[in-house]
Full PDB file with SEQRES, HELIX, SHEET, SSBOND, CRYST1, ORIGX, SCALE, CONECT and MASTER records, all heavy atoms in Angstrom:
SEQRES   1 A   36  CYS GLN SER LYS LEU LYS PHE LEU GLU THR GLU THR VAL          
SEQRES   2 A   36  PRO LYS SER SER ALA LYS PHE SER LEU SER ILE MET CYS          
SEQRES   3 A   36  MET LYS ALA LEU THR ALA GLU TYR ASN GLN                      
HELIX    1 AA1 GLN A    2  LYS A    6  1                                   5    
HELIX    2 AA2 LYS A   15  SER A   17  5                                   3    
HELIX    3 AA3 ALA A   18  ASN A   35  1                                  18    
CRYST1    1.000    1.000    1.000  90.00  90.00  90.00 P 1           1          
ORIGX1      1.000000  0.000000  0.000000        0.00000                         
ORIGX2      0.000000  1.000000  0.000000        0.00000                         
ORIGX3      0.000000  0.000000  1.000000        0.00000                         
SCALE1      1.000000  0.000000  0.000000        0.00000                         
SCALE2      0.000000  1.000000  0.000000        0.00000                         
SCALE3      0.000000  0.000000  1.000000        0.00000                         
ATOM      1  N   CYS A   1     108.120  79.357 100.449  1.00  0.00           N  
ATOM      2  CA  CYS A   1     107.456  78.491  99.462  1.00  0.00           C  
ATOM      3  C   CYS A   1     108.183  77.170  99.315  1.00  0.00           C  
ATOM      4  O   CYS A   1     107.560  76.097  99.239  1.00  0.00           O  
ATOM      5  CB  CYS A   1     107.381  79.211  98.127  1.00  0.00           C  
ATOM      6  SG  CYS A   1     106.227  80.601  98.101  1.00  0.00           S  
ATOM      7  N   GLN A   2     109.523  77.233  99.290  1.00  0.00           N  
ATOM      8  CA  GLN A   2     110.276  75.988  99.150  1.00  0.00           C  
ATOM      9  C   GLN A   2     110.100  75.082 100.373  1.00  0.00           C  
ATOM     10  O   GLN A   2     110.038  73.861 100.246  1.00  0.00           O  
ATOM     11  CB  GLN A   2     111.753  76.318  98.924  1.00  0.00           C  
ATOM     12  CG  GLN A   2     112.026  76.898  97.543  1.00  0.00           C  
ATOM     13  CD  GLN A   2     113.493  77.228  97.344  1.00  0.00           C  
ATOM     14  OE1 GLN A   2     114.302  77.099  98.269  1.00  0.00           O  
ATOM     15  NE2 GLN A   2     113.828  77.661  96.132  1.00  0.00           N  
ATOM     16  N   SER A   3     110.028  75.714 101.563  1.00  0.00           N  
ATOM     17  CA  SER A   3     109.827  74.910 102.771  1.00  0.00           C  
ATOM     18  C   SER A   3     108.473  74.214 102.741  1.00  0.00           C  
ATOM     19  O   SER A   3     108.343  73.042 103.105  1.00  0.00           O  
ATOM     20  CB  SER A   3     109.956  75.793 104.011  1.00  0.00           C  
ATOM     21  OG  SER A   3     111.248  76.367 104.069  1.00  0.00           O  
ATOM     22  N   LYS A   4     107.453  74.938 102.326  1.00  0.00           N  
ATOM     23  CA  LYS A   4     106.121  74.346 102.263  1.00  0.00           C  
ATOM     24  C   LYS A   4     106.072  73.199 101.258  1.00  0.00           C  
ATOM     25  O   LYS A   4     105.488  72.154 101.511  1.00  0.00           O  
ATOM     26  CB  LYS A   4     105.099  75.411 101.886  1.00  0.00           C  
ATOM     27  CG  LYS A   4     104.861  76.446 102.977  1.00  0.00           C  
ATOM     28  CD  LYS A   4     103.852  77.486 102.532  1.00  0.00           C  
ATOM     29  CE  LYS A   4     103.617  78.537 103.609  1.00  0.00           C  
ATOM     30  NZ  LYS A   4     102.637  79.560 103.181  1.00  0.00           N  
ATOM     31  N   LEU A   5     106.711  73.411 100.129  1.00  0.00           N  
ATOM     32  CA  LEU A   5     106.720  72.352  99.104  1.00  0.00           C  
ATOM     33  C   LEU A   5     107.507  71.140  99.561  1.00  0.00           C  
ATOM     34  O   LEU A   5     107.163  70.004  99.241  1.00  0.00           O  
ATOM     35  CB  LEU A   5     107.309  72.900  97.786  1.00  0.00           C  
ATOM     36  CG  LEU A   5     106.462  73.931  97.040  1.00  0.00           C  
ATOM     37  CD1 LEU A   5     107.240  74.519  95.870  1.00  0.00           C  
ATOM     38  CD2 LEU A   5     105.171  73.291  96.553  1.00  0.00           C  
ATOM     39  N   LYS A   6     108.555  71.375 100.324  1.00  0.00           N  
ATOM     40  CA  LYS A   6     109.424  70.278 100.744  1.00  0.00           C  
ATOM     41  C   LYS A   6     108.751  69.370 101.749  1.00  0.00           C  
ATOM     42  O   LYS A   6     108.944  68.152 101.753  1.00  0.00           O  
ATOM     43  CB  LYS A   6     110.715  70.858 101.311  1.00  0.00           C  
ATOM     44  CG  LYS A   6     111.742  69.798 101.657  1.00  0.00           C  
ATOM     45  CD  LYS A   6     113.031  70.462 102.110  1.00  0.00           C  
ATOM     46  CE  LYS A   6     114.085  69.410 102.442  1.00  0.00           C  
ATOM     47  NZ  LYS A   6     115.360  70.013 102.917  1.00  0.00           N  
ATOM     48  N   PHE A   7     107.972  69.978 102.677  1.00  0.00           N  
ATOM     49  CA  PHE A   7     107.380  69.188 103.755  1.00  0.00           C  
ATOM     50  C   PHE A   7     105.929  68.790 103.498  1.00  0.00           C  
ATOM     51  O   PHE A   7     105.214  68.446 104.414  1.00  0.00           O  
ATOM     52  CB  PHE A   7     107.459  69.992 105.072  1.00  0.00           C  
ATOM     53  CG  PHE A   7     108.876  70.156 105.555  1.00  0.00           C  
ATOM     54  CD1 PHE A   7     109.529  71.378 105.404  1.00  0.00           C  
ATOM     55  CD2 PHE A   7     109.549  69.094 106.161  1.00  0.00           C  
ATOM     56  CE1 PHE A   7     110.837  71.538 105.844  1.00  0.00           C  
ATOM     57  CE2 PHE A   7     110.852  69.276 106.597  1.00  0.00           C  
ATOM     58  CZ  PHE A   7     111.502  70.486 106.441  1.00  0.00           C  
ATOM     59  N   LEU A   8     105.495  68.888 102.263  1.00  0.00           N  
ATOM     60  CA  LEU A   8     104.151  68.414 101.932  1.00  0.00           C  
ATOM     61  C   LEU A   8     104.077  66.902 102.091  1.00  0.00           C  
ATOM     62  O   LEU A   8     105.049  66.181 101.813  1.00  0.00           O  
ATOM     63  CB  LEU A   8     103.788  68.788 100.489  1.00  0.00           C  
ATOM     64  CG  LEU A   8     103.374  70.244 100.244  1.00  0.00           C  
ATOM     65  CD1 LEU A   8     103.121  70.456  98.761  1.00  0.00           C  
ATOM     66  CD2 LEU A   8     102.121  70.582 101.038  1.00  0.00           C  
ATOM     67  N   GLU A   9     102.965  66.404 102.498  1.00  0.00           N  
ATOM     68  CA  GLU A   9     102.797  64.954 102.648  1.00  0.00           C  
ATOM     69  C   GLU A   9     102.773  64.288 101.287  1.00  0.00           C  
ATOM     70  O   GLU A   9     102.144  64.784 100.351  1.00  0.00           O  
ATOM     71  CB  GLU A   9     101.484  64.672 103.380  1.00  0.00           C  
ATOM     72  CG  GLU A   9     101.490  65.129 104.824  1.00  0.00           C  
ATOM     73  CD  GLU A   9     100.197  64.760 105.539  1.00  0.00           C  
ATOM     74  OE1 GLU A   9      99.341  64.138 104.859  1.00  0.00           O  
ATOM     75  OE2 GLU A   9     100.075  65.080 106.707  1.00  0.00           O  
ATOM     76  N   THR A  10     103.467  63.225 101.217  1.00  0.00           N  
ATOM     77  CA  THR A  10     103.568  62.488  99.959  1.00  0.00           C  
ATOM     78  C   THR A  10     102.514  61.408  99.935  1.00  0.00           C  
ATOM     79  O   THR A  10     102.135  60.862 100.964  1.00  0.00           O  
ATOM     80  CB  THR A  10     104.961  61.855  99.824  1.00  0.00           C  
ATOM     81  OG1 THR A  10     105.180  60.990 100.929  1.00  0.00           O  
ATOM     82  CG2 THR A  10     106.030  62.928  99.779  1.00  0.00           C  
ATOM     83  N   GLU A  11     102.065  61.083  98.751  1.00  0.00           N  
ATOM     84  CA  GLU A  11     101.080  60.028  98.563  1.00  0.00           C  
ATOM     85  C   GLU A  11     101.788  58.727  98.254  1.00  0.00           C  
ATOM     86  O   GLU A  11     102.839  58.698  97.628  1.00  0.00           O  
ATOM     87  CB  GLU A  11     100.135  60.399  97.414  1.00  0.00           C  
ATOM     88  CG  GLU A  11      99.332  61.650  97.693  1.00  0.00           C  
ATOM     89  CD  GLU A  11      98.413  61.978  96.537  1.00  0.00           C  
ATOM     90  OE1 GLU A  11      98.432  61.210  95.553  1.00  0.00           O  
ATOM     91  OE2 GLU A  11      97.715  62.995  96.621  1.00  0.00           O  
ATOM     92  N   THR A  12     101.200  57.631  98.764  1.00  0.00           N  
ATOM     93  CA  THR A  12     101.746  56.299  98.503  1.00  0.00           C  
ATOM     94  C   THR A  12     101.072  55.734  97.262  1.00  0.00           C  
ATOM     95  O   THR A  12      99.843  55.628  97.217  1.00  0.00           O  
ATOM     96  CB  THR A  12     101.497  55.373  99.695  1.00  0.00           C  
ATOM     97  OG1 THR A  12     102.109  55.943 100.842  1.00  0.00           O  
ATOM     98  CG2 THR A  12     102.088  53.994  99.423  1.00  0.00           C  
ATOM     99  N   VAL A  13     101.873  55.416  96.265  1.00  0.00           N  
ATOM    100  CA  VAL A  13     101.355  54.906  94.998  1.00  0.00           C  
ATOM    101  C   VAL A  13     102.028  53.593  94.687  1.00  0.00           C  
ATOM    102  O   VAL A  13     103.130  53.308  95.175  1.00  0.00           O  
ATOM    103  CB  VAL A  13     101.615  55.922  93.868  1.00  0.00           C  
ATOM    104  CG1 VAL A  13     100.856  57.204  94.130  1.00  0.00           C  
ATOM    105  CG2 VAL A  13     103.098  56.212  93.738  1.00  0.00           C  
ATOM    106  N   PRO A  14     101.380  52.752  93.901  1.00  0.00           N  
ATOM    107  CA  PRO A  14     102.023  51.492  93.507  1.00  0.00           C  
ATOM    108  C   PRO A  14     103.309  51.755  92.735  1.00  0.00           C  
ATOM    109  O   PRO A  14     103.456  52.761  92.054  1.00  0.00           O  
ATOM    110  CB  PRO A  14     100.955  50.835  92.632  1.00  0.00           C  
ATOM    111  CG  PRO A  14      99.685  51.492  92.991  1.00  0.00           C  
ATOM    112  CD  PRO A  14     100.012  52.885  93.402  1.00  0.00           C  
ATOM    113  N   LYS A  15     104.250  50.825  92.852  1.00  0.00           N  
ATOM    114  CA  LYS A  15     105.553  50.984  92.191  1.00  0.00           C  
ATOM    115  C   LYS A  15     105.414  51.016  90.677  1.00  0.00           C  
ATOM    116  O   LYS A  15     106.143  51.715  89.983  1.00  0.00           O  
ATOM    117  CB  LYS A  15     106.453  49.840  92.620  1.00  0.00           C  
ATOM    118  CG  LYS A  15     107.862  49.968  92.084  1.00  0.00           C  
ATOM    119  CD  LYS A  15     108.735  48.858  92.626  1.00  0.00           C  
ATOM    120  CE  LYS A  15     110.158  49.000  92.116  1.00  0.00           C  
ATOM    121  NZ  LYS A  15     111.036  47.931  92.621  1.00  0.00           N  
ATOM    122  N   SER A  16     104.442  50.247  90.148  1.00  0.00           N  
ATOM    123  CA  SER A  16     104.299  50.159  88.692  1.00  0.00           C  
ATOM    124  C   SER A  16     103.848  51.485  88.081  1.00  0.00           C  
ATOM    125  O   SER A  16     104.161  51.802  86.950  1.00  0.00           O  
ATOM    126  CB  SER A  16     103.305  49.064  88.339  1.00  0.00           C  
ATOM    127  OG  SER A  16     102.055  49.332  88.965  1.00  0.00           O  
ATOM    128  N   SER A  17     103.076  52.293  88.868  1.00  0.00           N  
ATOM    129  CA  SER A  17     102.572  53.570  88.337  1.00  0.00           C  
ATOM    130  C   SER A  17     103.224  54.763  89.017  1.00  0.00           C  
ATOM    131  O   SER A  17     102.641  55.842  89.026  1.00  0.00           O  
ATOM    132  CB  SER A  17     101.066  53.627  88.517  1.00  0.00           C  
ATOM    133  OG  SER A  17     100.734  53.527  89.899  1.00  0.00           O  
ATOM    134  N   ALA A  18     104.420  54.585  89.578  1.00  0.00           N  
ATOM    135  CA  ALA A  18     105.080  55.687  90.293  1.00  0.00           C  
ATOM    136  C   ALA A  18     105.443  56.822  89.344  1.00  0.00           C  
ATOM    137  O   ALA A  18     105.151  57.996  89.611  1.00  0.00           O  
ATOM    138  CB  ALA A  18     106.319  55.153  91.011  1.00  0.00           C  
ATOM    139  N   LYS A  19     106.060  56.487  88.217  1.00  0.00           N  
ATOM    140  CA  LYS A  19     106.494  57.534  87.283  1.00  0.00           C  
ATOM    141  C   LYS A  19     105.299  58.263  86.689  1.00  0.00           C  
ATOM    142  O   LYS A  19     105.311  59.496  86.540  1.00  0.00           O  
ATOM    143  CB  LYS A  19     107.332  56.933  86.170  1.00  0.00           C  
ATOM    144  CG  LYS A  19     108.674  56.386  86.642  1.00  0.00           C  
ATOM    145  CD  LYS A  19     109.480  55.872  85.463  1.00  0.00           C  
ATOM    146  CE  LYS A  19     110.837  55.355  85.926  1.00  0.00           C  
ATOM    147  NZ  LYS A  19     111.652  54.851  84.787  1.00  0.00           N  
ATOM    148  N   PHE A  20     104.247  57.528  86.394  1.00  0.00           N  
ATOM    149  CA  PHE A  20     103.054  58.164  85.835  1.00  0.00           C  
ATOM    150  C   PHE A  20     102.416  59.110  86.840  1.00  0.00           C  
ATOM    151  O   PHE A  20     102.017  60.227  86.502  1.00  0.00           O  
ATOM    152  CB  PHE A  20     102.060  57.077  85.415  1.00  0.00           C  
ATOM    153  CG  PHE A  20     100.755  57.614  84.920  1.00  0.00           C  
ATOM    154  CD1 PHE A  20     100.667  58.201  83.657  1.00  0.00           C  
ATOM    155  CD2 PHE A  20      99.617  57.549  85.722  1.00  0.00           C  
ATOM    156  CE1 PHE A  20      99.447  58.693  83.206  1.00  0.00           C  
ATOM    157  CE2 PHE A  20      98.416  58.054  85.281  1.00  0.00           C  
ATOM    158  CZ  PHE A  20      98.320  58.633  84.004  1.00  0.00           C  
ATOM    159  N   SER A  21     102.369  58.659  88.119  1.00  0.00           N  
ATOM    160  CA  SER A  21     101.775  59.503  89.162  1.00  0.00           C  
ATOM    161  C   SER A  21     102.599  60.756  89.390  1.00  0.00           C  
ATOM    162  O   SER A  21     102.060  61.855  89.570  1.00  0.00           O  
ATOM    163  CB  SER A  21     101.654  58.711  90.469  1.00  0.00           C  
ATOM    164  OG  SER A  21     100.838  57.573  90.279  1.00  0.00           O  
ATOM    165  N   LEU A  22     103.928  60.610  89.344  1.00  0.00           N  
ATOM    166  CA  LEU A  22     104.795  61.785  89.508  1.00  0.00           C  
ATOM    167  C   LEU A  22     104.590  62.763  88.368  1.00  0.00           C  
ATOM    168  O   LEU A  22     104.584  63.987  88.573  1.00  0.00           O  
ATOM    169  CB  LEU A  22     106.249  61.344  89.593  1.00  0.00           C  
ATOM    170  CG  LEU A  22     106.648  60.568  90.865  1.00  0.00           C  
ATOM    171  CD1 LEU A  22     108.099  60.097  90.759  1.00  0.00           C  
ATOM    172  CD2 LEU A  22     106.481  61.448  92.102  1.00  0.00           C  
ATOM    173  N   SER A  23     104.419  62.229  87.174  1.00  0.00           N  
ATOM    174  CA  SER A  23     104.185  63.109  86.019  1.00  0.00           C  
ATOM    175  C   SER A  23     102.870  63.863  86.183  1.00  0.00           C  
ATOM    176  O   SER A  23     102.781  65.057  85.882  1.00  0.00           O  
ATOM    177  CB  SER A  23     104.179  62.295  84.725  1.00  0.00           C  
ATOM    178  OG  SER A  23     105.418  61.643  84.533  1.00  0.00           O  
ATOM    179  N   ILE A  24     101.845  63.164  86.681  1.00  0.00           N  
ATOM    180  CA  ILE A  24     100.547  63.814  86.900  1.00  0.00           C  
ATOM    181  C   ILE A  24     100.667  64.913  87.945  1.00  0.00           C  
ATOM    182  O   ILE A  24     100.134  66.020  87.771  1.00  0.00           O  
ATOM    183  CB  ILE A  24      99.498  62.774  87.327  1.00  0.00           C  
ATOM    184  CG1 ILE A  24      99.235  61.781  86.172  1.00  0.00           C  
ATOM    185  CG2 ILE A  24      98.200  63.457  87.747  1.00  0.00           C  
ATOM    186  CD1 ILE A  24      98.649  62.412  84.943  1.00  0.00           C  
ATOM    187  N   MET A  25     101.419  64.628  89.012  1.00  0.00           N  
ATOM    188  CA  MET A  25     101.582  65.638  90.069  1.00  0.00           C  
ATOM    189  C   MET A  25     102.351  66.846  89.546  1.00  0.00           C  
ATOM    190  O   MET A  25     102.008  67.995  89.864  1.00  0.00           O  
ATOM    191  CB  MET A  25     102.315  65.013  91.265  1.00  0.00           C  
ATOM    192  CG  MET A  25     101.500  63.923  91.977  1.00  0.00           C  
ATOM    193  SD  MET A  25     102.439  63.046  93.237  1.00  0.00           S  
ATOM    194  CE  MET A  25     102.729  64.388  94.383  1.00  0.00           C  
ATOM    195  N   CYS A  26     103.364  66.590  88.747  1.00  0.00           N  
ATOM    196  CA  CYS A  26     104.146  67.698  88.171  1.00  0.00           C  
ATOM    197  C   CYS A  26     103.273  68.541  87.249  1.00  0.00           C  
ATOM    198  O   CYS A  26     103.348  69.771  87.245  1.00  0.00           O  
ATOM    199  CB  CYS A  26     105.357  67.141  87.427  1.00  0.00           C  
ATOM    200  SG  CYS A  26     106.457  68.418  86.776  1.00  0.00           S  
ATOM    201  N   MET A  27     102.434  67.870  86.484  1.00  0.00           N  
ATOM    202  CA  MET A  27     101.538  68.594  85.597  1.00  0.00           C  
ATOM    203  C   MET A  27     100.557  69.454  86.379  1.00  0.00           C  
ATOM    204  O   MET A  27     100.270  70.603  86.009  1.00  0.00           O  
ATOM    205  CB  MET A  27     100.779  67.595  84.714  1.00  0.00           C  
ATOM    206  CG  MET A  27      99.887  68.272  83.676  1.00  0.00           C  
ATOM    207  SD  MET A  27      98.835  67.122  82.788  1.00  0.00           S  
ATOM    208  CE  MET A  27      97.711  66.685  84.112  1.00  0.00           C  
ATOM    209  N   LYS A  28     100.047  68.905  87.522  1.00  0.00           N  
ATOM    210  CA  LYS A  28      99.122  69.685  88.345  1.00  0.00           C  
ATOM    211  C   LYS A  28      99.813  70.918  88.913  1.00  0.00           C  
ATOM    212  O   LYS A  28      99.235  72.006  88.963  1.00  0.00           O  
ATOM    213  CB  LYS A  28      98.584  68.825  89.471  1.00  0.00           C  
ATOM    214  CG  LYS A  28      97.626  67.724  88.997  1.00  0.00           C  
ATOM    215  CD  LYS A  28      97.126  66.898  90.174  1.00  0.00           C  
ATOM    216  CE  LYS A  28      96.140  65.825  89.721  1.00  0.00           C  
ATOM    217  NZ  LYS A  28      95.643  64.999  90.847  1.00  0.00           N  
ATOM    218  N   ALA A  29     101.083  70.740  89.328  1.00  0.00           N  
ATOM    219  CA  ALA A  29     101.822  71.879  89.885  1.00  0.00           C  
ATOM    220  C   ALA A  29     102.028  72.955  88.835  1.00  0.00           C  
ATOM    221  O   ALA A  29     101.850  74.156  89.093  1.00  0.00           O  
ATOM    222  CB  ALA A  29     103.161  71.397  90.433  1.00  0.00           C  
ATOM    223  N   LEU A  30     102.411  72.541  87.644  1.00  0.00           N  
ATOM    224  CA  LEU A  30     102.636  73.526  86.570  1.00  0.00           C  
ATOM    225  C   LEU A  30     101.332  74.198  86.156  1.00  0.00           C  
ATOM    226  O   LEU A  30     101.305  75.394  85.853  1.00  0.00           O  
ATOM    227  CB  LEU A  30     103.270  72.833  85.354  1.00  0.00           C  
ATOM    228  CG  LEU A  30     104.710  72.334  85.561  1.00  0.00           C  
ATOM    229  CD1 LEU A  30     105.170  71.550  84.337  1.00  0.00           C  
ATOM    230  CD2 LEU A  30     105.650  73.498  85.836  1.00  0.00           C  
ATOM    231  N   THR A  31     100.224  73.425  86.184  1.00  0.00           N  
ATOM    232  CA  THR A  31      98.926  74.016  85.851  1.00  0.00           C  
ATOM    233  C   THR A  31      98.522  75.063  86.870  1.00  0.00           C  
ATOM    234  O   THR A  31      98.014  76.132  86.532  1.00  0.00           O  
ATOM    235  CB  THR A  31      97.859  72.917  85.774  1.00  0.00           C  
ATOM    236  OG1 THR A  31      98.262  71.939  84.809  1.00  0.00           O  
ATOM    237  CG2 THR A  31      96.512  73.499  85.364  1.00  0.00           C  
ATOM    238  N   ALA A  32      98.766  74.743  88.144  1.00  0.00           N  
ATOM    239  CA  ALA A  32      98.448  75.724  89.193  1.00  0.00           C  
ATOM    240  C   ALA A  32      99.286  76.981  89.032  1.00  0.00           C  
ATOM    241  O   ALA A  32      98.787  78.107  89.179  1.00  0.00           O  
ATOM    242  CB  ALA A  32      98.682  75.082  90.559  1.00  0.00           C  
ATOM    243  N   GLU A  33     100.572  76.793  88.719  1.00  0.00           N  
ATOM    244  CA  GLU A  33     101.445  77.966  88.518  1.00  0.00           C  
ATOM    245  C   GLU A  33     100.975  78.775  87.323  1.00  0.00           C  
ATOM    246  O   GLU A  33     100.970  80.016  87.347  1.00  0.00           O  
ATOM    247  CB  GLU A  33     102.882  77.499  88.320  1.00  0.00           C  
ATOM    248  CG  GLU A  33     103.872  78.666  88.199  1.00  0.00           C  
ATOM    249  CD  GLU A  33     105.296  78.176  88.059  1.00  0.00           C  
ATOM    250  OE1 GLU A  33     105.528  76.957  88.140  1.00  0.00           O  
ATOM    251  OE2 GLU A  33     106.185  79.023  87.856  1.00  0.00           O  
ATOM    252  N   TYR A  34     100.563  78.080  86.262  1.00  0.00           N  
ATOM    253  CA  TYR A  34     100.071  78.778  85.072  1.00  0.00           C  
ATOM    254  C   TYR A  34      98.829  79.608  85.403  1.00  0.00           C  
ATOM    255  O   TYR A  34      98.691  80.759  84.955  1.00  0.00           O  
ATOM    256  CB  TYR A  34      99.762  77.747  83.974  1.00  0.00           C  
ATOM    257  CG  TYR A  34      99.015  78.316  82.799  1.00  0.00           C  
ATOM    258  CD1 TYR A  34      99.666  79.101  81.844  1.00  0.00           C  
ATOM    259  CD2 TYR A  34      97.648  78.065  82.640  1.00  0.00           C  
ATOM    260  CE1 TYR A  34      98.974  79.621  80.774  1.00  0.00           C  
ATOM    261  CE2 TYR A  34      96.953  78.588  81.566  1.00  0.00           C  
ATOM    262  CZ  TYR A  34      97.611  79.370  80.630  1.00  0.00           C  
ATOM    263  OH  TYR A  34      96.930  79.890  79.565  1.00  0.00           O  
ATOM    264  N   ASN A  35      97.923  79.026  86.199  1.00  0.00           N  
ATOM    265  CA  ASN A  35      96.723  79.758  86.598  1.00  0.00           C  
ATOM    266  C   ASN A  35      97.059  80.984  87.427  1.00  0.00           C  
ATOM    267  O   ASN A  35      96.436  82.043  87.280  1.00  0.00           O  
ATOM    268  CB  ASN A  35      95.779  78.839  87.368  1.00  0.00           C  
ATOM    269  CG  ASN A  35      95.219  77.733  86.490  1.00  0.00           C  
ATOM    270  OD1 ASN A  35      95.070  77.913  85.287  1.00  0.00           O  
ATOM    271  ND2 ASN A  35      94.922  76.580  87.095  1.00  0.00           N  
ATOM    272  N   GLN A  36      98.068  80.874  88.292  1.00  0.00           N  
ATOM    273  CA  GLN A  36      98.502  82.023  89.081  1.00  0.00           C  
ATOM    274  C   GLN A  36      99.052  83.124  88.179  1.00  0.00           C  
ATOM    275  O   GLN A  36      98.811  84.301  88.404  1.00  0.00           O  
ATOM    276  CB  GLN A  36      99.553  81.583  90.111  1.00  0.00           C  
ATOM    277  CG  GLN A  36      99.011  80.714  91.231  1.00  0.00           C  
ATOM    278  CD  GLN A  36      98.008  81.470  92.090  1.00  0.00           C  
ATOM    279  OE1 GLN A  36      98.151  82.669  92.331  1.00  0.00           O  
ATOM    280  NE2 GLN A  36      96.973  80.758  92.545  1.00  0.00           N  
TER     281      GLN A  36                                                      
MASTER        0    0    0    3    0    0    0    6  280    1    0    3          
END                                                                             
């Protein structure tokens, strides 16, 4: 699982919204884990 997560393709986002996009991605990951 860690290997799969590590080598996932990253998305290119503007620098101004980088932190916001990372927060959204983290929230999606936690939501998926919660659903599991």
